[in-house]
């Protein structure tokens, strides 16, 4: 299966993908049914919630801000079949294009935002990853609003741990816009042209982040993760999750 072009077909989700099926540079394959990424779960019909449970998904990690999660709550939040966590990576409302962090992103690029998050949200990255470890082996779905930015960073971390080729990491990120075009179309229609890039997933954004890892962490995501406070043992546990057969 060509993972970077495969979606999980669940009604109401545009960018739901299993992190399994991605080849690594040393001849391994990332495993299925451990880590799933998606866009927000706030508009899911009942049959889609059943499909998530059957996949199976047992744990939901909502990476959106508290305000986003309150304004557009996940429909699975109180469903006893799931354990739900809200762990914001960006502690401002990403829907608010007037927020300073979003204005800075509009002036620069999403790639600049990703670098900023790596350097300013380290405790939150650690909290997300420790929650995934704590819940193992339960399958975990993590998501933000459109499943490309905050979600894309967590996916990239796991793929880097698995030693996936960087070209595949970039293309896995970039394909998100093809999947969410219809979801973000109203946002693009209601904003000026110079804002539209924040609703896409242009390859240079992920390339900028990977260059930052090269320049600041010797090209080794483990060094970044240790800077967040994660231990060697925890990092090994995360690596086992993405590669375990």
C-alpha atoms as a PDB file:
ATOM      1  CA  UNK A   1       0.000   0.000   0.000  1.00  0.00           C
ATOM      2  CA  UNK A   2       1.249   3.492  -0.819  1.00  0.00           C
ATOM      3  CA  UNK A   3       0.544   4.952   2.607  1.00  0.00           C
ATOM      4  CA  UNK A   4       0.981   8.598   1.715  1.00  0.00           C
ATOM      5  CA  UNK A   5      -1.967   8.424  -0.683  1.00  0.00           C
ATOM      6  CA  UNK A   6      -4.317   6.265   1.408  1.00  0.00           C
ATOM      7  CA  UNK A   7      -7.129   7.533   3.572  1.00  0.00           C
ATOM      8  CA  UNK A   8      -9.376   5.719   6.001  1.00  0.00           C
ATOM      9  CA  UNK A   9     -12.810   6.092   4.465  1.00  0.00           C
ATOM     10  CA  UNK A  10     -14.990   7.289   7.310  1.00  0.00           C
ATOM     11  CA  UNK A  11     -17.919   9.594   6.658  1.00  0.00           C
ATOM     12  CA  UNK A  12     -17.272  13.117   7.901  1.00  0.00           C
ATOM     13  CA  UNK A  13     -13.472  12.814   7.937  1.00  0.00           C
ATOM     14  CA  UNK A  14     -11.322  14.256   5.172  1.00  0.00           C
ATOM     15  CA  UNK A  15      -7.779  13.493   6.291  1.00  0.00           C
ATOM     16  CA  UNK A  16      -7.957  10.308   8.383  1.00  0.00           C
ATOM     17  CA  UNK A  17      -4.892   8.129   7.785  1.00  0.00           C
ATOM     18  CA  UNK A  18      -3.192   5.255   9.541  1.00  0.00           C
ATOM     19  CA  UNK A  19       0.543   5.772  10.060  1.00  0.00           C
ATOM     20  CA  UNK A  20       1.095   2.143   9.103  1.00  0.00           C
ATOM     21  CA  UNK A  21       2.413   0.907   5.770  1.00  0.00           C
ATOM     22  CA  UNK A  22       5.221   3.425   5.301  1.00  0.00           C
ATOM     23  CA  UNK A  23       8.554   1.874   4.228  1.00  0.00           C
ATOM     24  CA  UNK A  24      11.661   2.832   6.185  1.00  0.00           C
ATOM     25  CA  UNK A  25      15.182   3.356   4.903  1.00  0.00           C
ATOM     26  CA  UNK A  26      16.366   0.156   6.585  1.00  0.00           C
ATOM     27  CA  UNK A  27      13.752  -2.099   4.991  1.00  0.00           C
ATOM     28  CA  UNK A  28      11.075  -2.106   7.690  1.00  0.00           C
ATOM     29  CA  UNK A  29       7.424  -1.057   7.481  1.00  0.00           C
ATOM     30  CA  UNK A  30       5.560   1.119   9.943  1.00  0.00           C
ATOM     31  CA  UNK A  31       2.780  -0.771  11.690  1.00  0.00           C
ATOM     32  CA  UNK A  32      -0.983  -0.390  11.303  1.00  0.00           C
ATOM     33  CA  UNK A  33      -3.676   0.115  13.955  1.00  0.00           C
ATOM     34  CA  UNK A  34      -1.463   1.834  16.526  1.00  0.00           C
ATOM     35  CA  UNK A  35      -1.392   5.467  15.405  1.00  0.00           C
ATOM     36  CA  UNK A  36      -4.052   7.236  13.342  1.00  0.00           C
ATOM     37  CA  UNK A  37      -4.149  10.877  12.307  1.00  0.00           C
ATOM     38  CA  UNK A  38      -7.182  12.899  11.243  1.00  0.00           C
ATOM     39  CA  UNK A  39      -8.987  16.194  11.071  1.00  0.00           C
ATOM     40  CA  UNK A  40     -11.473  17.187  13.789  1.00  0.00           C
ATOM     41  CA  UNK A  41     -14.273  14.871  14.878  1.00  0.00           C
ATOM     42  CA  UNK A  42     -16.885  17.539  15.585  1.00  0.00           C
ATOM     43  CA  UNK A  43     -19.281  16.777  12.708  1.00  0.00           C
ATOM     44  CA  UNK A  44     -19.188  12.981  12.612  1.00  0.00           C
ATOM     45  CA  UNK A  45     -22.471  11.144  12.052  1.00  0.00           C
ATOM     46  CA  UNK A  46     -23.275   8.232  14.349  1.00  0.00           C
ATOM     47  CA  UNK A  47     -22.226   5.591  11.818  1.00  0.00           C
ATOM     48  CA  UNK A  48     -18.801   7.230  11.525  1.00  0.00           C
ATOM     49  CA  UNK A  49     -18.326   7.097  15.285  1.00  0.00           C
ATOM     50  CA  UNK A  50     -19.188   3.400  15.156  1.00  0.00           C
ATOM     51  CA  UNK A  51     -16.658   2.958  12.337  1.00  0.00           C
ATOM     52  CA  UNK A  52     -13.942   4.632  14.395  1.00  0.00           C
ATOM     53  CA  UNK A  53     -14.645   2.330  17.301  1.00  0.00           C
ATOM     54  CA  UNK A  54     -14.599  -0.692  15.018  1.00  0.00           C
ATOM     55  CA  UNK A  55     -11.328   0.295  13.308  1.00  0.00           C
ATOM     56  CA  UNK A  56     -10.452   0.134  16.260  1.00  0.00           C
ATOM     57  CA  UNK A  57      -9.703   3.516  17.823  1.00  0.00           C
ATOM     58  CA  UNK A  58      -9.687   3.511  21.618  1.00  0.00           C
ATOM     59  CA  UNK A  59      -8.030   6.835  22.495  1.00  0.00           C
ATOM     60  CA  UNK A  60      -8.510  10.343  21.070  1.00  0.00           C
ATOM     61  CA  UNK A  61      -5.902  13.091  21.513  1.00  0.00           C
ATOM     62  CA  UNK A  62      -7.270  16.473  20.455  1.00  0.00           C
ATOM     63  CA  UNK A  63      -4.349  18.811  19.676  1.00  0.00           C
ATOM     64  CA  UNK A  64      -6.547  21.887  19.243  1.00  0.00           C
ATOM     65  CA  UNK A  65      -6.638  24.797  21.651  1.00  0.00           C
ATOM     66  CA  UNK A  66      -9.079  24.705  24.551  1.00  0.00           C
ATOM     67  CA  UNK A  67     -11.181  27.342  22.784  1.00  0.00           C
ATOM     68  CA  UNK A  68     -11.314  25.361  19.515  1.00  0.00           C
ATOM     69  CA  UNK A  69     -12.175  22.159  21.358  1.00  0.00           C
ATOM     70  CA  UNK A  70     -14.939  23.926  23.295  1.00  0.00           C
ATOM     71  CA  UNK A  71     -16.417  25.747  20.313  1.00  0.00           C
ATOM     72  CA  UNK A  72     -16.328  22.677  18.046  1.00  0.00           C
ATOM     73  CA  UNK A  73     -16.320  19.721  20.461  1.00  0.00           C
ATOM     74  CA  UNK A  74     -15.471  16.238  19.255  1.00  0.00           C
ATOM     75  CA  UNK A  75     -18.605  14.126  19.063  1.00  0.00           C
ATOM     76  CA  UNK A  76     -16.718  11.214  20.654  1.00  0.00           C
ATOM     77  CA  UNK A  77     -15.702  13.228  23.713  1.00  0.00           C
ATOM     78  CA  UNK A  78     -18.240  11.662  26.067  1.00  0.00           C
ATOM     79  CA  UNK A  79     -18.605   8.323  24.322  1.00  0.00           C
ATOM     80  CA  UNK A  80     -17.576   5.551  26.768  1.00  0.00           C
ATOM     81  CA  UNK A  81     -15.915   3.597  23.944  1.00  0.00           C
ATOM     82  CA  UNK A  82     -13.129   6.199  23.789  1.00  0.00           C
ATOM     83  CA  UNK A  83     -10.764   7.940  26.192  1.00  0.00           C
ATOM     84  CA  UNK A  84     -10.465  11.598  25.224  1.00  0.00           C
ATOM     85  CA  UNK A  85      -7.600  14.011  25.944  1.00  0.00           C
ATOM     86  CA  UNK A  86      -7.317  17.658  24.933  1.00  0.00           C
ATOM     87  CA  UNK A  87      -3.594  18.537  24.792  1.00  0.00           C
ATOM     88  CA  UNK A  88      -3.117  21.748  22.783  1.00  0.00           C
ATOM     89  CA  UNK A  89       0.177  22.106  20.926  1.00  0.00           C
ATOM     90  CA  UNK A  90      -0.560  25.722  19.988  1.00  0.00           C
ATOM     91  CA  UNK A  91      -2.093  27.517  22.931  1.00  0.00           C
ATOM     92  CA  UNK A  92      -3.973  30.086  20.865  1.00  0.00           C
ATOM     93  CA  UNK A  93      -7.121  29.663  18.830  1.00  0.00           C
ATOM     94  CA  UNK A  94      -5.962  28.636  15.345  1.00  0.00           C
ATOM     95  CA  UNK A  95      -9.329  29.832  13.987  1.00  0.00           C
ATOM     96  CA  UNK A  96      -8.457  33.394  15.016  1.00  0.00           C
ATOM     97  CA  UNK A  97      -6.430  34.829  12.146  1.00  0.00           C
ATOM     98  CA  UNK A  98      -5.993  38.002  14.212  1.00  0.00           C
ATOM     99  CA  UNK A  99      -3.989  36.167  16.901  1.00  0.00           C
ATOM    100  CA  UNK A 100      -0.314  37.172  16.983  1.00  0.00           C
ATOM    101  CA  UNK A 101       0.984  33.669  16.206  1.00  0.00           C
ATOM    102  CA  UNK A 102      -1.386  33.328  13.260  1.00  0.00           C
ATOM    103  CA  UNK A 103      -0.557  36.806  11.960  1.00  0.00           C
ATOM    104  CA  UNK A 104       3.152  35.918  12.132  1.00  0.00           C
ATOM    105  CA  UNK A 105       2.414  32.729  10.181  1.00  0.00           C
ATOM    106  CA  UNK A 106       0.491  34.672   7.538  1.00  0.00           C
ATOM    107  CA  UNK A 107       3.471  37.025   7.118  1.00  0.00           C
ATOM    108  CA  UNK A 108       5.993  34.178   6.945  1.00  0.00           C
ATOM    109  CA  UNK A 109       4.933  30.555   6.414  1.00  0.00           C
ATOM    110  CA  UNK A 110       3.571  27.502   8.150  1.00  0.00           C
ATOM    111  CA  UNK A 111       7.146  26.224   8.172  1.00  0.00           C
ATOM    112  CA  UNK A 112       8.103  29.114  10.457  1.00  0.00           C
ATOM    113  CA  UNK A 113       5.204  28.208  12.735  1.00  0.00           C
ATOM    114  CA  UNK A 114       6.344  24.580  12.874  1.00  0.00           C
ATOM    115  CA  UNK A 115       9.848  25.651  13.913  1.00  0.00           C
ATOM    116  CA  UNK A 116       8.343  27.987  16.516  1.00  0.00           C
ATOM    117  CA  UNK A 117       6.241  25.154  17.909  1.00  0.00           C
ATOM    118  CA  UNK A 118       9.265  22.856  18.124  1.00  0.00           C
ATOM    119  CA  UNK A 119      11.060  25.467  20.200  1.00  0.00           C
ATOM    120  CA  UNK A 120       8.181  26.832  22.275  1.00  0.00           C
ATOM    121  CA  UNK A 121       5.830  23.886  22.829  1.00  0.00           C
ATOM    122  CA  UNK A 122       8.284  21.253  24.044  1.00  0.00           C
ATOM    123  CA  UNK A 123       6.340  20.423  27.244  1.00  0.00           C
ATOM    124  CA  UNK A 124       3.194  19.887  25.174  1.00  0.00           C
ATOM    125  CA  UNK A 125       4.943  17.610  22.682  1.00  0.00           C
ATOM    126  CA  UNK A 126       6.207  15.598  25.639  1.00  0.00           C
ATOM    127  CA  UNK A 127       2.713  15.436  27.149  1.00  0.00           C
ATOM    128  CA  UNK A 128       1.188  14.179  23.888  1.00  0.00           C
ATOM    129  CA  UNK A 129       3.857  11.529  23.401  1.00  0.00           C
ATOM    130  CA  UNK A 130       3.748  10.380  27.034  1.00  0.00           C
ATOM    131  CA  UNK A 131      -0.024  10.037  26.773  1.00  0.00           C
ATOM    132  CA  UNK A 132       0.386   7.840  23.702  1.00  0.00           C
ATOM    133  CA  UNK A 133       2.923   5.722  25.604  1.00  0.00           C
ATOM    134  CA  UNK A 134       0.673   5.509  28.654  1.00  0.00           C
ATOM    135  CA  UNK A 135      -2.224   4.275  26.527  1.00  0.00           C
ATOM    136  CA  UNK A 136      -0.201   1.685  24.575  1.00  0.00           C
ATOM    137  CA  UNK A 137      -1.097  -0.752  23.137  1.00  0.00           C
ATOM    138  CA  UNK A 138      -4.498   0.920  22.699  1.00  0.00           C
ATOM    139  CA  UNK A 139      -4.806   2.436  19.201  1.00  0.00           C
ATOM    140  CA  UNK A 140      -4.599   6.237  19.384  1.00  0.00           C
ATOM    141  CA  UNK A 141      -6.095   8.784  17.006  1.00  0.00           C
ATOM    142  CA  UNK A 142      -4.575  12.273  17.228  1.00  0.00           C
ATOM    143  CA  UNK A 143      -6.039  15.253  15.412  1.00  0.00           C
ATOM    144  CA  UNK A 144      -6.259  18.999  15.112  1.00  0.00           C
ATOM    145  CA  UNK A 145      -8.688  21.009  12.961  1.00  0.00           C
ATOM    146  CA  UNK A 146      -7.669  19.944   9.457  1.00  0.00           C
ATOM    147  CA  UNK A 147      -5.215  17.182  10.294  1.00  0.00           C
ATOM    148  CA  UNK A 148      -2.234  18.779   8.562  1.00  0.00           C
ATOM    149  CA  UNK A 149      -0.303  21.159  10.859  1.00  0.00           C
ATOM    150  CA  UNK A 150      -0.253  20.162  14.530  1.00  0.00           C
ATOM    151  CA  UNK A 151      -1.247  16.647  13.525  1.00  0.00           C
ATOM    152  CA  UNK A 152       1.407  16.671  10.802  1.00  0.00           C
ATOM    153  CA  UNK A 153       4.125  17.469  13.339  1.00  0.00           C
ATOM    154  CA  UNK A 154       3.261  14.481  15.532  1.00  0.00           C
ATOM    155  CA  UNK A 155       3.136  12.233  12.455  1.00  0.00           C
ATOM    156  CA  UNK A 156       6.516  13.556  11.272  1.00  0.00           C
ATOM    157  CA  UNK A 157       8.076  12.828  14.674  1.00  0.00           C
ATOM    158  CA  UNK A 158       6.967   9.207  14.498  1.00  0.00           C
ATOM    159  CA  UNK A 159       8.148   8.813  10.914  1.00  0.00           C
ATOM    160  CA  UNK A 160      11.538  10.288  11.819  1.00  0.00           C
ATOM    161  CA  UNK A 161      11.783   7.841  14.717  1.00  0.00           C
ATOM    162  CA  UNK A 162      11.027   5.020  12.282  1.00  0.00           C
ATOM    163  CA  UNK A 163      13.728   6.211   9.856  1.00  0.00           C
ATOM    164  CA  UNK A 164      11.296   6.893   7.020  1.00  0.00           C
ATOM    165  CA  UNK A 165      12.882   8.589   4.012  1.00  0.00           C
ATOM    166  CA  UNK A 166      12.482  12.343   4.302  1.00  0.00           C
ATOM    167  CA  UNK A 167      11.038  12.618   0.801  1.00  0.00           C
ATOM    168  CA  UNK A 168       8.205  10.372   1.963  1.00  0.00           C
ATOM    169  CA  UNK A 169       7.724  12.436   5.124  1.00  0.00           C
ATOM    170  CA  UNK A 170       7.435  15.602   3.040  1.00  0.00           C
ATOM    171  CA  UNK A 171       5.040  14.065   0.511  1.00  0.00           C
ATOM    172  CA  UNK A 172       2.961  12.513   3.327  1.00  0.00           C
ATOM    173  CA  UNK A 173       2.581  16.021   4.739  1.00  0.00           C
ATOM    174  CA  UNK A 174       2.011  17.769   1.421  1.00  0.00           C
ATOM    175  CA  UNK A 175      -0.793  15.460   0.277  1.00  0.00           C
ATOM    176  CA  UNK A 176      -2.991  16.709   3.129  1.00  0.00           C
ATOM    177  CA  UNK A 177      -4.170  19.683   1.095  1.00  0.00           C
ATOM    178  CA  UNK A 178      -5.477  17.392  -1.637  1.00  0.00           C
ATOM    179  CA  UNK A 179      -7.593  15.673   0.996  1.00  0.00           C
ATOM    180  CA  UNK A 180      -8.856  18.780   2.824  1.00  0.00           C
ATOM    181  CA  UNK A 181      -9.524  21.068  -0.156  1.00  0.00           C
ATOM    182  CA  UNK A 182     -13.281  20.856   0.295  1.00  0.00           C
ATOM    183  CA  UNK A 183     -12.989  21.292   4.072  1.00  0.00           C
ATOM    184  CA  UNK A 184     -10.932  24.490   3.848  1.00  0.00           C
ATOM    185  CA  UNK A 185     -12.626  25.907   0.748  1.00  0.00           C
ATOM    186  CA  UNK A 186     -14.999  28.157   2.777  1.00  0.00           C
ATOM    187  CA  UNK A 187     -12.010  29.553   4.710  1.00  0.00           C
ATOM    188  CA  UNK A 188     -10.136  30.286   1.516  1.00  0.00           C
ATOM    189  CA  UNK A 189     -13.223  31.909   0.009  1.00  0.00           C
ATOM    190  CA  UNK A 190     -13.646  34.205   3.018  1.00  0.00           C
ATOM    191  CA  UNK A 191     -10.032  35.413   3.365  1.00  0.00           C
ATOM    192  CA  UNK A 192      -7.669  37.526   1.233  1.00  0.00           C
ATOM    193  CA  UNK A 193      -5.231  35.861  -1.147  1.00  0.00           C
ATOM    194  CA  UNK A 194      -2.210  36.444   1.117  1.00  0.00           C
ATOM    195  CA  UNK A 195      -3.826  34.306   3.838  1.00  0.00           C
ATOM    196  CA  UNK A 196      -4.567  31.259   1.688  1.00  0.00           C
ATOM    197  CA  UNK A 197      -1.197  29.576   2.167  1.00  0.00           C
ATOM    198  CA  UNK A 198      -2.000  28.764   5.803  1.00  0.00           C
ATOM    199  CA  UNK A 199      -4.819  26.486   4.630  1.00  0.00           C
ATOM    200  CA  UNK A 200      -2.523  24.509   2.325  1.00  0.00           C
ATOM    201  CA  UNK A 201       0.255  22.027   3.092  1.00  0.00           C
ATOM    202  CA  UNK A 202       3.033  23.184   0.771  1.00  0.00           C
ATOM    203  CA  UNK A 203       6.091  20.922   0.810  1.00  0.00           C
ATOM    204  CA  UNK A 204       8.580  23.710   1.749  1.00  0.00           C
ATOM    205  CA  UNK A 205       6.867  24.011   5.144  1.00  0.00           C
ATOM    206  CA  UNK A 206       7.893  20.503   6.193  1.00  0.00           C
ATOM    207  CA  UNK A 207      11.256  20.902   4.483  1.00  0.00           C
ATOM    208  CA  UNK A 208      11.915  23.957   6.658  1.00  0.00           C
ATOM    209  CA  UNK A 209      11.147  21.983   9.804  1.00  0.00           C
ATOM    210  CA  UNK A 210      13.412  19.104   8.763  1.00  0.00           C
ATOM    211  CA  UNK A 211      16.204  21.590   8.028  1.00  0.00           C
ATOM    212  CA  UNK A 212      15.698  22.982  11.525  1.00  0.00           C
ATOM    213  CA  UNK A 213      16.145  19.484  12.964  1.00  0.00           C
ATOM    214  CA  UNK A 214      19.352  19.171  10.933  1.00  0.00           C
ATOM    215  CA  UNK A 215      20.714  22.532  12.063  1.00  0.00           C
ATOM    216  CA  UNK A 216      19.728  22.397  15.718  1.00  0.00           C
ATOM    217  CA  UNK A 217      19.484  18.703  16.626  1.00  0.00           C
ATOM    218  CA  UNK A 218      22.174  17.089  14.453  1.00  0.00           C
ATOM    219  CA  UNK A 219      19.482  15.728  12.177  1.00  0.00           C
ATOM    220  CA  UNK A 220      18.324  13.379  14.954  1.00  0.00           C
ATOM    221  CA  UNK A 221      14.739  13.629  16.184  1.00  0.00           C
ATOM    222  CA  UNK A 222      15.781  11.758  19.330  1.00  0.00           C
ATOM    223  CA  UNK A 223      17.937  14.701  20.366  1.00  0.00           C
ATOM    224  CA  UNK A 224      14.931  16.996  19.934  1.00  0.00           C
ATOM    225  CA  UNK A 225      12.755  14.637  21.982  1.00  0.00           C
ATOM    226  CA  UNK A 226      15.337  14.502  24.761  1.00  0.00           C
ATOM    227  CA  UNK A 227      15.246  18.320  24.808  1.00  0.00           C
ATOM    228  CA  UNK A 228      11.516  18.088  25.587  1.00  0.00           C
ATOM    229  CA  UNK A 229      12.322  16.036  28.695  1.00  0.00           C
ATOM    230  CA  UNK A 230      11.611  12.578  27.311  1.00  0.00           C
ATOM    231  CA  UNK A 231      13.965   9.850  28.498  1.00  0.00           C
ATOM    232  CA  UNK A 232      15.874   7.410  26.312  1.00  0.00           C
ATOM    233  CA  UNK A 233      13.523   4.687  27.533  1.00  0.00           C
ATOM    234  CA  UNK A 234      10.453   6.685  26.552  1.00  0.00           C
ATOM    235  CA  UNK A 235      11.904   7.437  23.114  1.00  0.00           C
ATOM    236  CA  UNK A 236      12.625   3.727  22.608  1.00  0.00           C
ATOM    237  CA  UNK A 237       9.030   2.957  23.579  1.00  0.00           C
ATOM    238  CA  UNK A 238       7.700   5.432  21.023  1.00  0.00           C
ATOM    239  CA  UNK A 239       9.923   3.952  18.332  1.00  0.00           C
ATOM    240  CA  UNK A 240       8.641   0.470  19.141  1.00  0.00           C
ATOM    241  CA  UNK A 241       5.059   1.681  18.740  1.00  0.00           C
ATOM    242  CA  UNK A 242       5.562   2.838  15.162  1.00  0.00           C
ATOM    243  CA  UNK A 243       7.679  -0.145  14.111  1.00  0.00           C
ATOM    244  CA  UNK A 244       6.201  -2.975  16.188  1.00  0.00           C
ATOM    245  CA  UNK A 245       4.739  -5.759  14.048  1.00  0.00           C
END
